[in-house]
């Protein structure tokens, strides 16, 4: 019988291995999409992925046994024991939605057997990832300063920030398109992060003539139109201020609350000399 500390170790190894395999598979798919790409050691990535998937299979098998889940363990064995030994089937992938990325079927299947356990609550993982994203967005001013970018409009800001976000969330780097289509217009947020189901809209406040209420009203219009695309559930409005003297973050937050923006929208205030 495994000790509690040993079970915790296995939990961490399972989560870490799933993340690592998913990332390596994504990078391989991305590289393979470029014409002329040749792997330095032909077939090495596929060999490595197969080996790690088999390691993961046995980690989960051991975990289910240690948790005393005989029926779940039996079903797990019946479903994956043959697939895991088949070099052709083990690396099969599928797309979750038309504009998504290919994901390994085994990883998707393994996660279903981990869902009953609190430690593998992927909603909690998404919350943690969202906190990391918010931290990056709050440091937009730092990013602009250190890349020595000249800012004339919103695109100058979000293009630099998107590059940094893309280091953490690979699907952000792709030319993703949303389906926020209304009767007369298609609405496109500035940054899309499909893996977090999050869309980001930037507003650039550069001088005293800019009216903060107008920018918040624009977000309210966006909130009414960014609907009916099931891939995006959370929205972030980033207000980039060129000068802290234009307004305090507190005053903007008061105006934001007064407009009663929907709860699935979050406000981030950043910019030159703003560290809030």
C-alpha atoms as a PDB file:
ATOM      1  CA  UNK A   1       0.000   0.000   0.000  1.00  0.00           C
ATOM      2  CA  UNK A   2       1.322   3.422  -0.970  1.00  0.00           C
ATOM      3  CA  UNK A   3       1.797   6.091   1.676  1.00  0.00           C
ATOM      4  CA  UNK A   4      -0.018   9.463   1.351  1.00  0.00           C
ATOM      5  CA  UNK A   5       3.234  11.226   0.402  1.00  0.00           C
ATOM      6  CA  UNK A   6       3.826   8.671  -2.345  1.00  0.00           C
ATOM      7  CA  UNK A   7       0.324   9.196  -3.732  1.00  0.00           C
ATOM      8  CA  UNK A   8       0.881  12.964  -3.737  1.00  0.00           C
ATOM      9  CA  UNK A   9       4.112  12.424  -5.633  1.00  0.00           C
ATOM     10  CA  UNK A  10       2.304  10.349  -8.267  1.00  0.00           C
ATOM     11  CA  UNK A  11      -0.391  13.053  -8.590  1.00  0.00           C
ATOM     12  CA  UNK A  12       2.240  15.689  -9.286  1.00  0.00           C
ATOM     13  CA  UNK A  13       4.020  13.447 -11.782  1.00  0.00           C
ATOM     14  CA  UNK A  14       0.770  12.736 -13.647  1.00  0.00           C
ATOM     15  CA  UNK A  15      -0.134  16.416 -13.939  1.00  0.00           C
ATOM     16  CA  UNK A  16       3.423  17.401 -14.936  1.00  0.00           C
ATOM     17  CA  UNK A  17       3.653  14.608 -17.520  1.00  0.00           C
ATOM     18  CA  UNK A  18       0.310  15.463 -19.125  1.00  0.00           C
ATOM     19  CA  UNK A  19       1.355  19.092 -19.454  1.00  0.00           C
ATOM     20  CA  UNK A  20       4.766  18.186 -20.868  1.00  0.00           C
ATOM     21  CA  UNK A  21       3.402  15.684 -23.417  1.00  0.00           C
ATOM     22  CA  UNK A  22       0.695  18.106 -24.586  1.00  0.00           C
ATOM     23  CA  UNK A  23       3.244  20.887 -25.049  1.00  0.00           C
ATOM     24  CA  UNK A  24       5.726  18.677 -26.917  1.00  0.00           C
ATOM     25  CA  UNK A  25       2.990  17.337 -29.204  1.00  0.00           C
ATOM     26  CA  UNK A  26       1.762  20.863 -29.954  1.00  0.00           C
ATOM     27  CA  UNK A  27       5.281  22.055 -30.801  1.00  0.00           C
ATOM     28  CA  UNK A  28       5.773  19.069 -33.097  1.00  0.00           C
ATOM     29  CA  UNK A  29       2.498  19.754 -34.922  1.00  0.00           C
ATOM     30  CA  UNK A  30       3.420  23.438 -35.276  1.00  0.00           C
ATOM     31  CA  UNK A  31       6.887  22.670 -36.655  1.00  0.00           C
ATOM     32  CA  UNK A  32       5.520  20.055 -39.052  1.00  0.00           C
ATOM     33  CA  UNK A  33       3.143  22.632 -40.539  1.00  0.00           C
ATOM     34  CA  UNK A  34       6.096  24.558 -42.006  1.00  0.00           C
ATOM     35  CA  UNK A  35       7.187  23.392 -45.443  1.00  0.00           C
ATOM     36  CA  UNK A  36      10.713  22.071 -45.522  1.00  0.00           C
ATOM     37  CA  UNK A  37      10.776  21.172 -41.845  1.00  0.00           C
ATOM     38  CA  UNK A  38      12.891  18.120 -41.108  1.00  0.00           C
ATOM     39  CA  UNK A  39      13.441  16.660 -37.679  1.00  0.00           C
ATOM     40  CA  UNK A  40      17.120  16.470 -36.760  1.00  0.00           C
ATOM     41  CA  UNK A  41      16.757  12.841 -35.687  1.00  0.00           C
ATOM     42  CA  UNK A  42      13.978  11.382 -37.821  1.00  0.00           C
ATOM     43  CA  UNK A  43      11.209   9.804 -35.756  1.00  0.00           C
ATOM     44  CA  UNK A  44      12.710  10.799 -32.389  1.00  0.00           C
ATOM     45  CA  UNK A  45       9.752  12.955 -31.269  1.00  0.00           C
ATOM     46  CA  UNK A  46       7.220  10.239 -32.063  1.00  0.00           C
ATOM     47  CA  UNK A  47       9.344   7.673 -30.213  1.00  0.00           C
ATOM     48  CA  UNK A  48       9.640   9.970 -27.218  1.00  0.00           C
ATOM     49  CA  UNK A  49       5.907  10.736 -27.187  1.00  0.00           C
ATOM     50  CA  UNK A  50       5.016   7.033 -27.342  1.00  0.00           C
ATOM     51  CA  UNK A  51       7.424   6.269 -24.484  1.00  0.00           C
ATOM     52  CA  UNK A  52       6.081   9.063 -22.289  1.00  0.00           C
ATOM     53  CA  UNK A  53       2.451   8.130 -22.986  1.00  0.00           C
ATOM     54  CA  UNK A  54       3.194   4.584 -21.855  1.00  0.00           C
ATOM     55  CA  UNK A  55       4.870   5.925 -18.722  1.00  0.00           C
ATOM     56  CA  UNK A  56       1.798   8.079 -18.099  1.00  0.00           C
ATOM     57  CA  UNK A  57      -0.524   5.112 -18.604  1.00  0.00           C
ATOM     58  CA  UNK A  58       1.217   3.168 -15.840  1.00  0.00           C
ATOM     59  CA  UNK A  59       1.361   6.197 -13.549  1.00  0.00           C
ATOM     60  CA  UNK A  60      -2.423   6.598 -13.787  1.00  0.00           C
ATOM     61  CA  UNK A  61      -2.964   2.850 -13.424  1.00  0.00           C
ATOM     62  CA  UNK A  62      -0.909   2.873 -10.222  1.00  0.00           C
ATOM     63  CA  UNK A  63      -2.767   5.933  -8.977  1.00  0.00           C
ATOM     64  CA  UNK A  64      -6.236   4.444  -9.520  1.00  0.00           C
ATOM     65  CA  UNK A  65      -5.151   1.274  -7.745  1.00  0.00           C
ATOM     66  CA  UNK A  66      -3.701   3.250  -4.821  1.00  0.00           C
ATOM     67  CA  UNK A  67      -6.915   5.273  -4.511  1.00  0.00           C
ATOM     68  CA  UNK A  68      -8.925   2.049  -4.198  1.00  0.00           C
ATOM     69  CA  UNK A  69     -11.089   2.471  -7.319  1.00  0.00           C
ATOM     70  CA  UNK A  70     -11.450  -1.121  -8.638  1.00  0.00           C
ATOM     71  CA  UNK A  71     -14.263  -0.486 -11.143  1.00  0.00           C
ATOM     72  CA  UNK A  72     -12.600   2.625 -12.533  1.00  0.00           C
ATOM     73  CA  UNK A  73      -9.284   0.753 -12.709  1.00  0.00           C
ATOM     74  CA  UNK A  74     -10.864  -2.173 -14.581  1.00  0.00           C
ATOM     75  CA  UNK A  75     -12.552   0.117 -17.115  1.00  0.00           C
ATOM     76  CA  UNK A  76      -9.296   2.046 -17.560  1.00  0.00           C
ATOM     77  CA  UNK A  77      -7.369  -1.141 -18.332  1.00  0.00           C
ATOM     78  CA  UNK A  78     -10.022  -2.405 -20.751  1.00  0.00           C
ATOM     79  CA  UNK A  79     -10.113   0.890 -22.634  1.00  0.00           C
ATOM     80  CA  UNK A  80      -6.402   1.620 -22.983  1.00  0.00           C
ATOM     81  CA  UNK A  81      -4.342  -1.577 -22.524  1.00  0.00           C
ATOM     82  CA  UNK A  82      -4.362  -2.477 -26.240  1.00  0.00           C
ATOM     83  CA  UNK A  83      -4.117   1.093 -27.537  1.00  0.00           C
ATOM     84  CA  UNK A  84      -1.055   1.814 -25.412  1.00  0.00           C
ATOM     85  CA  UNK A  85       0.886  -1.022 -27.072  1.00  0.00           C
ATOM     86  CA  UNK A  86      -0.110  -0.115 -30.639  1.00  0.00           C
ATOM     87  CA  UNK A  87       2.457   2.249 -32.208  1.00  0.00           C
ATOM     88  CA  UNK A  88      -0.113   3.392 -34.747  1.00  0.00           C
ATOM     89  CA  UNK A  89      -3.032   4.087 -32.422  1.00  0.00           C
ATOM     90  CA  UNK A  90      -1.103   5.551 -29.503  1.00  0.00           C
ATOM     91  CA  UNK A  91      -0.381   8.844 -31.295  1.00  0.00           C
ATOM     92  CA  UNK A  92      -3.797   9.367 -32.863  1.00  0.00           C
ATOM     93  CA  UNK A  93      -5.050  12.921 -32.452  1.00  0.00           C
ATOM     94  CA  UNK A  94      -8.252  14.855 -32.998  1.00  0.00           C
ATOM     95  CA  UNK A  95      -9.468  18.460 -33.083  1.00  0.00           C
ATOM     96  CA  UNK A  96     -11.771  19.679 -30.324  1.00  0.00           C
ATOM     97  CA  UNK A  97     -13.229  22.345 -32.637  1.00  0.00           C
ATOM     98  CA  UNK A  98     -12.643  23.496 -36.271  1.00  0.00           C
ATOM     99  CA  UNK A  99     -10.166  26.262 -35.389  1.00  0.00           C
ATOM    100  CA  UNK A 100      -8.470  24.424 -32.561  1.00  0.00           C
ATOM    101  CA  UNK A 101      -5.360  22.323 -32.384  1.00  0.00           C
ATOM    102  CA  UNK A 102      -4.861  18.592 -32.726  1.00  0.00           C
ATOM    103  CA  UNK A 103      -4.831  16.953 -29.309  1.00  0.00           C
ATOM    104  CA  UNK A 104      -3.743  13.423 -28.509  1.00  0.00           C
ATOM    105  CA  UNK A 105      -6.772  11.172 -28.050  1.00  0.00           C
ATOM    106  CA  UNK A 106      -5.066   9.323 -25.207  1.00  0.00           C
ATOM    107  CA  UNK A 107      -4.536  12.519 -23.227  1.00  0.00           C
ATOM    108  CA  UNK A 108      -8.197  13.430 -23.671  1.00  0.00           C
ATOM    109  CA  UNK A 109      -9.193   9.916 -22.586  1.00  0.00           C
ATOM    110  CA  UNK A 110      -6.843   9.825 -19.603  1.00  0.00           C
ATOM    111  CA  UNK A 111      -8.246  13.107 -18.298  1.00  0.00           C
ATOM    112  CA  UNK A 112     -11.747  11.600 -18.188  1.00  0.00           C
ATOM    113  CA  UNK A 113     -10.512   9.034 -15.654  1.00  0.00           C
ATOM    114  CA  UNK A 114      -8.845  11.738 -13.560  1.00  0.00           C
ATOM    115  CA  UNK A 115     -11.876  14.040 -13.470  1.00  0.00           C
ATOM    116  CA  UNK A 116     -13.343  12.479 -10.275  1.00  0.00           C
ATOM    117  CA  UNK A 117     -10.322  13.584  -8.250  1.00  0.00           C
ATOM    118  CA  UNK A 118     -10.096  17.113  -6.872  1.00  0.00           C
ATOM    119  CA  UNK A 119      -6.361  17.394  -7.509  1.00  0.00           C
ATOM    120  CA  UNK A 120      -7.010  17.130 -11.246  1.00  0.00           C
ATOM    121  CA  UNK A 121      -9.707  19.796 -11.308  1.00  0.00           C
ATOM    122  CA  UNK A 122      -8.821  21.447 -14.614  1.00  0.00           C
ATOM    123  CA  UNK A 123     -11.163  24.339 -13.894  1.00  0.00           C
ATOM    124  CA  UNK A 124      -8.896  25.222 -10.987  1.00  0.00           C
ATOM    125  CA  UNK A 125      -5.892  24.940 -13.289  1.00  0.00           C
ATOM    126  CA  UNK A 126      -7.537  27.375 -15.687  1.00  0.00           C
ATOM    127  CA  UNK A 127      -8.122  29.807 -12.836  1.00  0.00           C
ATOM    128  CA  UNK A 128      -4.437  29.638 -11.966  1.00  0.00           C
ATOM    129  CA  UNK A 129      -3.499  30.198 -15.608  1.00  0.00           C
ATOM    130  CA  UNK A 130      -5.869  33.170 -15.802  1.00  0.00           C
ATOM    131  CA  UNK A 131      -4.164  34.732 -12.783  1.00  0.00           C
ATOM    132  CA  UNK A 132      -0.850  34.377 -14.602  1.00  0.00           C
ATOM    133  CA  UNK A 133      -2.345  35.997 -17.695  1.00  0.00           C
ATOM    134  CA  UNK A 134      -3.684  38.930 -15.654  1.00  0.00           C
ATOM    135  CA  UNK A 135      -0.219  39.398 -14.177  1.00  0.00           C
ATOM    136  CA  UNK A 136       1.288  39.609 -17.672  1.00  0.00           C
ATOM    137  CA  UNK A 137      -1.343  42.106 -18.804  1.00  0.00           C
ATOM    138  CA  UNK A 138      -0.760  44.297 -15.749  1.00  0.00           C
ATOM    139  CA  UNK A 139       2.870  44.452 -16.807  1.00  0.00           C
ATOM    140  CA  UNK A 140       2.080  45.694 -20.323  1.00  0.00           C
ATOM    141  CA  UNK A 141       3.775  49.010 -19.494  1.00  0.00           C
ATOM    142  CA  UNK A 142       6.907  47.143 -18.451  1.00  0.00           C
ATOM    143  CA  UNK A 143       6.833  45.133 -21.696  1.00  0.00           C
ATOM    144  CA  UNK A 144       6.495  48.252 -23.851  1.00  0.00           C
ATOM    145  CA  UNK A 145       9.272  50.013 -21.948  1.00  0.00           C
ATOM    146  CA  UNK A 146      11.722  47.127 -22.194  1.00  0.00           C
ATOM    147  CA  UNK A 147      11.050  46.437 -25.861  1.00  0.00           C
ATOM    148  CA  UNK A 148      11.551  50.182 -26.479  1.00  0.00           C
ATOM    149  CA  UNK A 149       8.413  50.225 -28.584  1.00  0.00           C
ATOM    150  CA  UNK A 150       6.927  53.449 -29.869  1.00  0.00           C
ATOM    151  CA  UNK A 151       3.219  53.590 -29.120  1.00  0.00           C
ATOM    152  CA  UNK A 152       0.891  55.486 -31.435  1.00  0.00           C
ATOM    153  CA  UNK A 153      -2.194  53.290 -31.186  1.00  0.00           C
ATOM    154  CA  UNK A 154      -3.651  50.209 -29.517  1.00  0.00           C
ATOM    155  CA  UNK A 155      -2.140  47.819 -32.063  1.00  0.00           C
ATOM    156  CA  UNK A 156       1.366  48.960 -31.103  1.00  0.00           C
ATOM    157  CA  UNK A 157       0.612  47.822 -27.558  1.00  0.00           C
ATOM    158  CA  UNK A 158      -1.211  44.553 -28.036  1.00  0.00           C
ATOM    159  CA  UNK A 159       1.141  43.262 -30.731  1.00  0.00           C
ATOM    160  CA  UNK A 160       4.081  43.486 -28.308  1.00  0.00           C
ATOM    161  CA  UNK A 161       2.069  42.040 -25.431  1.00  0.00           C
ATOM    162  CA  UNK A 162       0.749  39.229 -27.633  1.00  0.00           C
ATOM    163  CA  UNK A 163       4.307  38.163 -28.404  1.00  0.00           C
ATOM    164  CA  UNK A 164       5.013  37.716 -24.680  1.00  0.00           C
ATOM    165  CA  UNK A 165       1.686  35.971 -24.000  1.00  0.00           C
ATOM    166  CA  UNK A 166       2.463  33.603 -26.866  1.00  0.00           C
ATOM    167  CA  UNK A 167       5.483  32.307 -24.944  1.00  0.00           C
ATOM    168  CA  UNK A 168       3.110  30.972 -22.269  1.00  0.00           C
ATOM    169  CA  UNK A 169       0.017  30.140 -24.318  1.00  0.00           C
ATOM    170  CA  UNK A 170       1.011  28.640 -27.696  1.00  0.00           C
ATOM    171  CA  UNK A 171      -2.391  28.971 -29.404  1.00  0.00           C
ATOM    172  CA  UNK A 172      -2.239  32.740 -28.892  1.00  0.00           C
ATOM    173  CA  UNK A 173       0.529  32.923 -31.508  1.00  0.00           C
ATOM    174  CA  UNK A 174      -1.723  31.592 -34.232  1.00  0.00           C
ATOM    175  CA  UNK A 175      -4.012  33.697 -36.381  1.00  0.00           C
ATOM    176  CA  UNK A 176      -7.089  32.688 -34.447  1.00  0.00           C
ATOM    177  CA  UNK A 177     -10.459  34.017 -35.473  1.00  0.00           C
ATOM    178  CA  UNK A 178     -13.538  34.324 -33.350  1.00  0.00           C
ATOM    179  CA  UNK A 179     -17.111  33.951 -34.488  1.00  0.00           C
ATOM    180  CA  UNK A 180     -18.679  36.989 -32.845  1.00  0.00           C
ATOM    181  CA  UNK A 181     -20.915  37.634 -35.827  1.00  0.00           C
ATOM    182  CA  UNK A 182     -23.876  39.981 -35.557  1.00  0.00           C
ATOM    183  CA  UNK A 183     -26.360  40.970 -38.240  1.00  0.00           C
ATOM    184  CA  UNK A 184     -24.255  43.679 -39.899  1.00  0.00           C
ATOM    185  CA  UNK A 185     -20.759  43.216 -38.496  1.00  0.00           C
ATOM    186  CA  UNK A 186     -18.179  40.695 -37.303  1.00  0.00           C
ATOM    187  CA  UNK A 187     -16.433  41.633 -34.062  1.00  0.00           C
ATOM    188  CA  UNK A 188     -12.793  40.664 -33.550  1.00  0.00           C
ATOM    189  CA  UNK A 189     -11.043  41.061 -30.168  1.00  0.00           C
ATOM    190  CA  UNK A 190      -7.394  42.148 -30.145  1.00  0.00           C
ATOM    191  CA  UNK A 191      -6.013  38.931 -28.627  1.00  0.00           C
ATOM    192  CA  UNK A 192      -7.538  35.459 -28.454  1.00  0.00           C
ATOM    193  CA  UNK A 193      -6.314  32.659 -26.192  1.00  0.00           C
ATOM    194  CA  UNK A 194      -8.351  29.557 -27.113  1.00  0.00           C
ATOM    195  CA  UNK A 195      -6.798  27.316 -24.443  1.00  0.00           C
ATOM    196  CA  UNK A 196      -8.128  29.654 -21.734  1.00  0.00           C
ATOM    197  CA  UNK A 197     -11.350  30.448 -23.625  1.00  0.00           C
ATOM    198  CA  UNK A 198     -10.380  34.086 -23.196  1.00  0.00           C
ATOM    199  CA  UNK A 199     -10.592  37.152 -25.443  1.00  0.00           C
ATOM    200  CA  UNK A 200      -8.763  40.416 -24.712  1.00  0.00           C
ATOM    201  CA  UNK A 201      -9.617  43.948 -25.810  1.00  0.00           C
ATOM    202  CA  UNK A 202      -7.179  46.870 -25.456  1.00  0.00           C
ATOM    203  CA  UNK A 203      -8.003  50.557 -25.036  1.00  0.00           C
ATOM    204  CA  UNK A 204      -5.281  53.226 -25.280  1.00  0.00           C
ATOM    205  CA  UNK A 205      -5.767  56.435 -23.305  1.00  0.00           C
ATOM    206  CA  UNK A 206      -3.080  58.845 -24.466  1.00  0.00           C
ATOM    207  CA  UNK A 207      -4.087  62.411 -23.620  1.00  0.00           C
ATOM    208  CA  UNK A 208      -6.376  64.568 -21.497  1.00  0.00           C
ATOM    209  CA  UNK A 209      -8.983  64.928 -24.222  1.00  0.00           C
ATOM    210  CA  UNK A 210      -9.769  61.221 -24.036  1.00  0.00           C
ATOM    211  CA  UNK A 211     -12.969  60.540 -22.136  1.00  0.00           C
ATOM    212  CA  UNK A 212     -12.778  57.451 -19.919  1.00  0.00           C
ATOM    213  CA  UNK A 213     -16.544  57.021 -19.974  1.00  0.00           C
ATOM    214  CA  UNK A 214     -16.423  56.716 -23.756  1.00  0.00           C
ATOM    215  CA  UNK A 215     -13.871  53.904 -23.553  1.00  0.00           C
ATOM    216  CA  UNK A 216     -15.937  52.062 -20.966  1.00  0.00           C
ATOM    217  CA  UNK A 217     -19.037  52.555 -23.129  1.00  0.00           C
ATOM    218  CA  UNK A 218     -17.118  50.945 -26.006  1.00  0.00           C
ATOM    219  CA  UNK A 219     -16.422  47.930 -23.792  1.00  0.00           C
ATOM    220  CA  UNK A 220     -20.107  47.743 -22.900  1.00  0.00           C
ATOM    221  CA  UNK A 221     -20.931  47.626 -26.613  1.00  0.00           C
ATOM    222  CA  UNK A 222     -18.308  44.910 -27.071  1.00  0.00           C
ATOM    223  CA  UNK A 223     -19.789  42.902 -24.196  1.00  0.00           C
ATOM    224  CA  UNK A 224     -23.158  42.916 -25.951  1.00  0.00           C
ATOM    225  CA  UNK A 225     -21.643  41.727 -29.223  1.00  0.00           C
ATOM    226  CA  UNK A 226     -18.980  39.265 -28.081  1.00  0.00           C
ATOM    227  CA  UNK A 227     -21.523  36.472 -27.777  1.00  0.00           C
ATOM    228  CA  UNK A 228     -22.512  33.179 -29.387  1.00  0.00           C
ATOM    229  CA  UNK A 229     -18.989  31.774 -29.770  1.00  0.00           C
ATOM    230  CA  UNK A 230     -18.825  28.879 -27.304  1.00  0.00           C
ATOM    231  CA  UNK A 231     -15.015  28.841 -27.428  1.00  0.00           C
ATOM    232  CA  UNK A 232     -14.736  32.104 -25.482  1.00  0.00           C
ATOM    233  CA  UNK A 233     -16.263  32.540 -22.049  1.00  0.00           C
ATOM    234  CA  UNK A 234     -14.034  35.099 -20.323  1.00  0.00           C
ATOM    235  CA  UNK A 235     -13.179  38.614 -21.509  1.00  0.00           C
ATOM    236  CA  UNK A 236     -10.559  41.082 -20.342  1.00  0.00           C
ATOM    237  CA  UNK A 237     -10.516  44.817 -21.036  1.00  0.00           C
ATOM    238  CA  UNK A 238      -7.017  46.290 -20.778  1.00  0.00           C
ATOM    239  CA  UNK A 239      -6.868  50.056 -20.297  1.00  0.00           C
ATOM    240  CA  UNK A 240      -3.384  51.289 -21.164  1.00  0.00           C
ATOM    241  CA  UNK A 241      -2.776  54.819 -19.851  1.00  0.00           C
ATOM    242  CA  UNK A 242       0.093  56.876 -21.249  1.00  0.00           C
ATOM    243  CA  UNK A 243       0.280  59.077 -18.161  1.00  0.00           C
ATOM    244  CA  UNK A 244      -0.825  58.308 -14.608  1.00  0.00           C
ATOM    245  CA  UNK A 245      -1.766  61.986 -14.307  1.00  0.00           C
ATOM    246  CA  UNK A 246      -4.715  61.440 -16.649  1.00  0.00           C
ATOM    247  CA  UNK A 247      -6.655  59.426 -14.070  1.00  0.00           C
ATOM    248  CA  UNK A 248      -6.125  57.172 -11.086  1.00  0.00           C
ATOM    249  CA  UNK A 249      -6.823  53.440 -11.351  1.00  0.00           C
ATOM    250  CA  UNK A 250      -9.336  53.868  -8.507  1.00  0.00           C
ATOM    251  CA  UNK A 251     -11.391  56.435 -10.431  1.00  0.00           C
ATOM    252  CA  UNK A 252     -11.476  54.200 -13.507  1.00  0.00           C
ATOM    253  CA  UNK A 253     -12.639  51.241 -11.421  1.00  0.00           C
ATOM    254  CA  UNK A 254     -15.468  53.365  -9.961  1.00  0.00           C
ATOM    255  CA  UNK A 255     -16.591  54.350 -13.478  1.00  0.00           C
ATOM    256  CA  UNK A 256     -16.322  50.708 -14.592  1.00  0.00           C
ATOM    257  CA  UNK A 257     -18.584  49.485 -11.796  1.00  0.00           C
ATOM    258  CA  UNK A 258     -21.105  52.252 -12.492  1.00  0.00           C
ATOM    259  CA  UNK A 259     -21.517  51.021 -16.077  1.00  0.00           C
ATOM    260  CA  UNK A 260     -22.454  47.514 -14.820  1.00  0.00           C
ATOM    261  CA  UNK A 261     -20.261  45.611 -17.251  1.00  0.00           C
ATOM    262  CA  UNK A 262     -21.147  41.848 -17.294  1.00  0.00           C
ATOM    263  CA  UNK A 263     -19.420  39.660 -14.703  1.00  0.00           C
ATOM    264  CA  UNK A 264     -17.514  37.647 -17.315  1.00  0.00           C
ATOM    265  CA  UNK A 265     -15.525  40.800 -18.133  1.00  0.00           C
ATOM    266  CA  UNK A 266     -12.489  41.808 -16.070  1.00  0.00           C
ATOM    267  CA  UNK A 267     -10.756  45.189 -16.016  1.00  0.00           C
ATOM    268  CA  UNK A 268      -6.958  45.528 -16.102  1.00  0.00           C
ATOM    269  CA  UNK A 269      -5.360  48.946 -15.760  1.00  0.00           C
ATOM    270  CA  UNK A 270      -1.780  49.347 -16.914  1.00  0.00           C
ATOM    271  CA  UNK A 271       0.515  51.715 -18.760  1.00  0.00           C
ATOM    272  CA  UNK A 272       3.472  54.014 -18.331  1.00  0.00           C
ATOM    273  CA  UNK A 273       4.544  54.179 -14.671  1.00  0.00           C
ATOM    274  CA  UNK A 274       1.557  52.144 -13.495  1.00  0.00           C
ATOM    275  CA  UNK A 275       2.332  49.059 -11.466  1.00  0.00           C
ATOM    276  CA  UNK A 276      -1.076  48.414  -9.901  1.00  0.00           C
END
